[in-house]
Structure formats: structure tokens, C-alpha cells
Amino acid sequence: MARICELTGKGPIKGSTIWRSGMAKKAGGIGTHITAITKRRFLPNLQRVKAVMPNGEVRYIRVSARAIKKGLVVKPAKRNWKKEAAAA
């Protein structure tokens, strides 16, 4: 399953991790040096929420937390009916 937000289209982006060694000059050393750069991925903060689609259908979608905070997700109304009493 793709890690893509269904509302905003936000997906993973590329980045790198930088490995450094040595002591900083202000800490009394001769300075830090980069020893390696490795690739990594920054993944979006996806959440699975129940939402009302534009055609009125209610279903689960995967959206980013930022889309939820912005109010792009329309939550369905809470069901207020109770289960019927078990037949004796």
C-alpha cells in the first residue's frame, strides 16, 4: 500500500543522515568532520480515519495528520442507536 495522503497527495521524500566525528571547537577539540552520508526517507504521518467522501459515501481513508488539523477531513455523524435487546 502506498504511503500517500488521499487528500493532499503528500508522500515520502528523500533525505540523508550525516555522520560526524570529532569534538567541536568550542568544546576544546579541533572541529567535527563528516565521515559518511547515508540515504533515508522521510515518511508522512498518515492516519486511518473514517470520513465522508464528496459523493456522500462513508469509508476509511489514509490522510496525513496535517490534513486532519487543517479540517480537510469531514467526519461522519455519530450513530446514536442502541443494539436491540437480545431475544430471550
N, C-alpha and C. Protein backbone atom coordinates (compact mmCIF):
# COMPACT_ATOMS: atom_id res chain seq x y z
N MET A 1 0.84 -1.17 0.00
CA MET A 1 0.00 0.00 0.00
C MET A 1 0.89 1.24 0.00
N ALA A 2 0.59 2.18 -0.87
CA ALA A 2 1.41 3.38 -0.99
C ALA A 2 1.23 4.28 0.24
N ARG A 3 2.32 4.91 0.64
CA ARG A 3 2.27 5.83 1.78
C ARG A 3 1.98 7.23 1.27
N ILE A 4 0.79 7.43 0.74
CA ILE A 4 0.40 8.71 0.16
C ILE A 4 -0.93 9.15 0.77
N CYS A 5 -1.01 10.43 1.14
CA CYS A 5 -2.24 11.00 1.67
C CYS A 5 -3.27 11.07 0.56
N GLU A 6 -4.50 10.61 0.83
CA GLU A 6 -5.53 10.58 -0.20
C GLU A 6 -6.12 11.95 -0.49
N LEU A 7 -5.93 12.92 0.42
CA LEU A 7 -6.48 14.26 0.20
C LEU A 7 -5.46 15.24 -0.35
N THR A 8 -4.25 15.23 0.21
CA THR A 8 -3.25 16.21 -0.20
C THR A 8 -2.23 15.66 -1.18
N GLY A 9 -2.11 14.35 -1.27
CA GLY A 9 -1.12 13.75 -2.17
C GLY A 9 0.28 13.73 -1.59
N LYS A 10 0.41 14.07 -0.32
CA LYS A 10 1.73 14.08 0.31
C LYS A 10 2.27 12.66 0.42
N GLY A 11 3.54 12.48 0.06
CA GLY A 11 4.16 11.16 0.09
C GLY A 11 5.55 11.23 0.68
N PRO A 12 6.30 10.12 0.63
CA PRO A 12 7.65 10.11 1.17
C PRO A 12 8.58 11.02 0.37
N ILE A 13 9.55 11.62 1.07
CA ILE A 13 10.56 12.42 0.38
C ILE A 13 11.94 11.91 0.78
N LYS A 14 12.92 12.19 -0.09
CA LYS A 14 14.27 11.71 0.15
C LYS A 14 15.06 12.69 1.00
N GLY A 15 16.00 12.14 1.75
CA GLY A 15 16.89 12.96 2.56
C GLY A 15 18.14 12.17 2.86
N SER A 16 18.94 12.67 3.80
CA SER A 16 20.16 11.97 4.15
C SER A 16 20.48 12.14 5.63
N THR A 17 21.20 11.17 6.16
CA THR A 17 21.71 11.22 7.52
C THR A 17 23.19 11.49 7.44
N ILE A 18 23.67 12.48 8.17
CA ILE A 18 25.08 12.84 8.13
C ILE A 18 25.76 12.35 9.40
N TRP A 19 26.83 11.54 9.24
CA TRP A 19 27.60 11.02 10.37
C TRP A 19 28.79 11.94 10.58
N ARG A 20 28.96 12.40 11.81
CA ARG A 20 30.07 13.28 12.12
C ARG A 20 30.92 12.66 13.23
N SER A 21 32.22 12.98 13.21
CA SER A 21 33.10 12.54 14.28
C SER A 21 33.99 13.70 14.68
N GLY A 22 34.50 13.64 15.87
CA GLY A 22 35.37 14.70 16.37
C GLY A 22 34.67 15.55 17.40
N MET A 23 35.44 16.37 18.08
CA MET A 23 34.91 17.25 19.11
C MET A 23 34.81 18.67 18.56
N ALA A 24 33.72 19.34 18.89
CA ALA A 24 33.52 20.70 18.42
C ALA A 24 34.63 21.61 18.92
N LYS A 25 34.94 22.66 18.14
CA LYS A 25 36.00 23.59 18.52
C LYS A 25 35.68 24.30 19.83
N LYS A 26 34.39 24.69 19.99
CA LYS A 26 34.05 25.41 21.22
C LYS A 26 34.08 24.50 22.44
N ALA A 27 34.13 23.19 22.22
CA ALA A 27 34.23 22.25 23.34
C ALA A 27 35.68 21.85 23.60
N GLY A 28 36.62 22.46 22.84
CA GLY A 28 38.03 22.19 23.08
C GLY A 28 38.67 21.26 22.07
N GLY A 29 37.95 20.84 21.04
CA GLY A 29 38.52 19.94 20.05
C GLY A 29 39.04 20.68 18.84
N ILE A 30 39.33 19.93 17.79
CA ILE A 30 39.84 20.53 16.56
C ILE A 30 38.74 20.65 15.49
N GLY A 31 37.49 20.38 15.89
CA GLY A 31 36.37 20.51 14.97
C GLY A 31 35.82 19.17 14.55
N THR A 32 34.56 19.16 14.12
CA THR A 32 33.93 17.92 13.67
C THR A 32 34.12 17.76 12.17
N HIS A 33 34.11 16.52 11.71
CA HIS A 33 34.28 16.20 10.30
C HIS A 33 33.22 15.20 9.88
N ILE A 34 32.72 15.35 8.67
CA ILE A 34 31.73 14.41 8.14
C ILE A 34 32.46 13.15 7.69
N THR A 35 32.00 11.99 8.18
CA THR A 35 32.64 10.74 7.82
C THR A 35 31.80 9.91 6.86
N ALA A 36 30.47 10.13 6.83
CA ALA A 36 29.61 9.34 5.94
C ALA A 36 28.28 10.06 5.76
N ILE A 37 27.68 9.86 4.62
CA ILE A 37 26.33 10.36 4.35
C ILE A 37 25.53 9.19 3.81
N THR A 38 24.45 8.84 4.51
CA THR A 38 23.62 7.73 4.07
C THR A 38 22.24 8.24 3.72
N LYS A 39 21.60 7.59 2.76
CA LYS A 39 20.27 7.99 2.31
C LYS A 39 19.21 7.50 3.28
N ARG A 40 18.12 8.27 3.36
CA ARG A 40 16.98 7.88 4.18
C ARG A 40 15.72 8.47 3.58
N ARG A 41 14.56 8.05 4.11
CA ARG A 41 13.27 8.55 3.63
C ARG A 41 12.52 9.18 4.79
N PHE A 42 11.89 10.33 4.52
CA PHE A 42 11.02 10.96 5.48
C PHE A 42 9.59 10.59 5.10
N LEU A 43 8.90 9.86 5.98
CA LEU A 43 7.56 9.38 5.69
C LEU A 43 6.51 10.32 6.26
N PRO A 44 5.38 10.51 5.57
CA PRO A 44 4.33 11.37 6.10
C PRO A 44 3.63 10.69 7.28
N ASN A 45 3.08 11.49 8.16
CA ASN A 45 2.38 10.98 9.35
C ASN A 45 0.94 10.65 8.95
N LEU A 46 0.75 9.44 8.39
CA LEU A 46 -0.57 9.03 7.90
C LEU A 46 -1.40 8.40 9.01
N GLN A 47 -2.68 8.73 9.01
CA GLN A 47 -3.64 8.18 9.96
C GLN A 47 -4.80 7.60 9.17
N ARG A 48 -5.37 6.52 9.71
CA ARG A 48 -6.53 5.89 9.07
C ARG A 48 -7.78 6.40 9.77
N VAL A 49 -8.60 7.19 9.07
CA VAL A 49 -9.78 7.78 9.69
C VAL A 49 -11.01 7.51 8.84
N LYS A 50 -12.15 7.50 9.51
CA LYS A 50 -13.42 7.34 8.81
C LYS A 50 -13.88 8.72 8.38
N ALA A 51 -14.21 8.88 7.10
CA ALA A 51 -14.56 10.20 6.58
C ALA A 51 -15.71 10.11 5.59
N VAL A 52 -16.38 11.24 5.41
CA VAL A 52 -17.46 11.34 4.42
C VAL A 52 -16.84 11.81 3.11
N MET A 53 -17.04 11.03 2.05
CA MET A 53 -16.49 11.38 0.74
C MET A 53 -17.41 12.41 0.07
N PRO A 54 -16.94 13.08 -0.99
CA PRO A 54 -17.77 14.09 -1.67
C PRO A 54 -19.10 13.55 -2.20
N ASN A 55 -19.16 12.26 -2.55
CA ASN A 55 -20.42 11.69 -3.05
C ASN A 55 -21.34 11.20 -1.93
N GLY A 56 -20.97 11.47 -0.65
CA GLY A 56 -21.81 11.09 0.48
C GLY A 56 -21.48 9.74 1.09
N GLU A 57 -20.58 9.01 0.48
CA GLU A 57 -20.20 7.69 0.97
C GLU A 57 -19.28 7.84 2.20
N VAL A 58 -19.46 6.97 3.19
CA VAL A 58 -18.61 6.96 4.38
C VAL A 58 -17.66 5.79 4.26
N ARG A 59 -16.34 6.07 4.32
CA ARG A 59 -15.36 5.00 4.26
C ARG A 59 -14.07 5.42 4.96
N TYR A 60 -13.19 4.46 5.20
CA TYR A 60 -11.90 4.73 5.81
C TYR A 60 -10.93 5.22 4.75
N ILE A 61 -10.19 6.27 5.07
CA ILE A 61 -9.16 6.78 4.17
C ILE A 61 -7.89 7.01 4.97
N ARG A 62 -6.76 7.06 4.25
CA ARG A 62 -5.47 7.32 4.88
C ARG A 62 -5.08 8.75 4.55
N VAL A 63 -5.05 9.59 5.58
CA VAL A 63 -4.73 11.00 5.39
C VAL A 63 -3.63 11.42 6.35
N SER A 64 -2.92 12.48 5.99
CA SER A 64 -1.85 12.99 6.84
C SER A 64 -2.44 13.72 8.04
N ALA A 65 -1.67 13.78 9.11
CA ALA A 65 -2.12 14.47 10.32
C ALA A 65 -2.33 15.95 10.05
N ARG A 66 -1.55 16.53 9.16
CA ARG A 66 -1.71 17.95 8.83
C ARG A 66 -3.05 18.20 8.15
N ALA A 67 -3.51 17.26 7.30
CA ALA A 67 -4.81 17.41 6.64
C ALA A 67 -5.94 17.36 7.66
N ILE A 68 -5.78 16.53 8.69
CA ILE A 68 -6.79 16.44 9.74
C ILE A 68 -6.82 17.75 10.53
N LYS A 69 -5.63 18.30 10.85
CA LYS A 69 -5.56 19.56 11.60
C LYS A 69 -6.15 20.72 10.81
N LYS A 70 -5.96 20.71 9.49
CA LYS A 70 -6.48 21.80 8.66
C LYS A 70 -7.99 21.73 8.51
N GLY A 71 -8.59 20.59 8.83
CA GLY A 71 -10.03 20.44 8.71
C GLY A 71 -10.47 19.95 7.35
N LEU A 72 -9.56 19.32 6.60
CA LEU A 72 -9.91 18.81 5.28
C LEU A 72 -10.76 17.54 5.36
N VAL A 73 -10.73 16.86 6.52
CA VAL A 73 -11.47 15.62 6.68
C VAL A 73 -12.83 15.93 7.30
N VAL A 74 -13.90 15.47 6.65
CA VAL A 74 -15.25 15.64 7.18
C VAL A 74 -15.64 14.33 7.86
N LYS A 75 -15.81 14.41 9.18
CA LYS A 75 -16.15 13.21 9.95
C LYS A 75 -17.63 12.90 9.81
N PRO A 76 -18.01 11.62 9.79
CA PRO A 76 -19.43 11.28 9.73
C PRO A 76 -20.11 11.52 11.07
N ALA A 77 -21.43 11.63 11.04
CA ALA A 77 -22.20 11.83 12.27
C ALA A 77 -22.14 10.57 13.12
N LYS A 78 -22.13 10.76 14.43
CA LYS A 78 -22.10 9.62 15.35
C LYS A 78 -23.45 8.90 15.31
N ARG A 79 -23.38 7.58 15.35
CA ARG A 79 -24.62 6.80 15.41
C ARG A 79 -25.10 6.78 16.86
N ASN A 80 -26.39 7.06 17.07
CA ASN A 80 -26.89 7.11 18.44
C ASN A 80 -27.91 6.03 18.75
N TRP A 81 -28.03 5.02 17.89
CA TRP A 81 -28.98 3.95 18.18
C TRP A 81 -28.31 2.90 19.03
N LYS A 82 -29.11 2.22 19.86
CA LYS A 82 -28.60 1.16 20.71
C LYS A 82 -28.93 -0.20 20.09
N LYS A 83 -28.13 -1.19 20.43
CA LYS A 83 -28.40 -2.54 19.92
C LYS A 83 -29.71 -3.03 20.53
N GLU A 84 -30.43 -3.80 19.73
CA GLU A 84 -31.70 -4.34 20.22
C GLU A 84 -31.45 -5.34 21.35
N ALA A 85 -32.38 -5.39 22.28
CA ALA A 85 -32.23 -6.31 23.40
C ALA A 85 -32.20 -7.75 22.86
N ALA A 86 -31.31 -8.53 23.44
CA ALA A 86 -31.18 -9.93 23.00
C ALA A 86 -32.49 -10.68 23.22
N ALA A 87 -32.92 -11.38 22.19
CA ALA A 87 -34.17 -12.14 22.30
C ALA A 87 -33.97 -13.29 23.27
N ALA A 88 -34.91 -13.41 24.22
CA ALA A 88 -34.77 -14.43 25.26
C ALA A 88 -35.29 -15.76 24.85
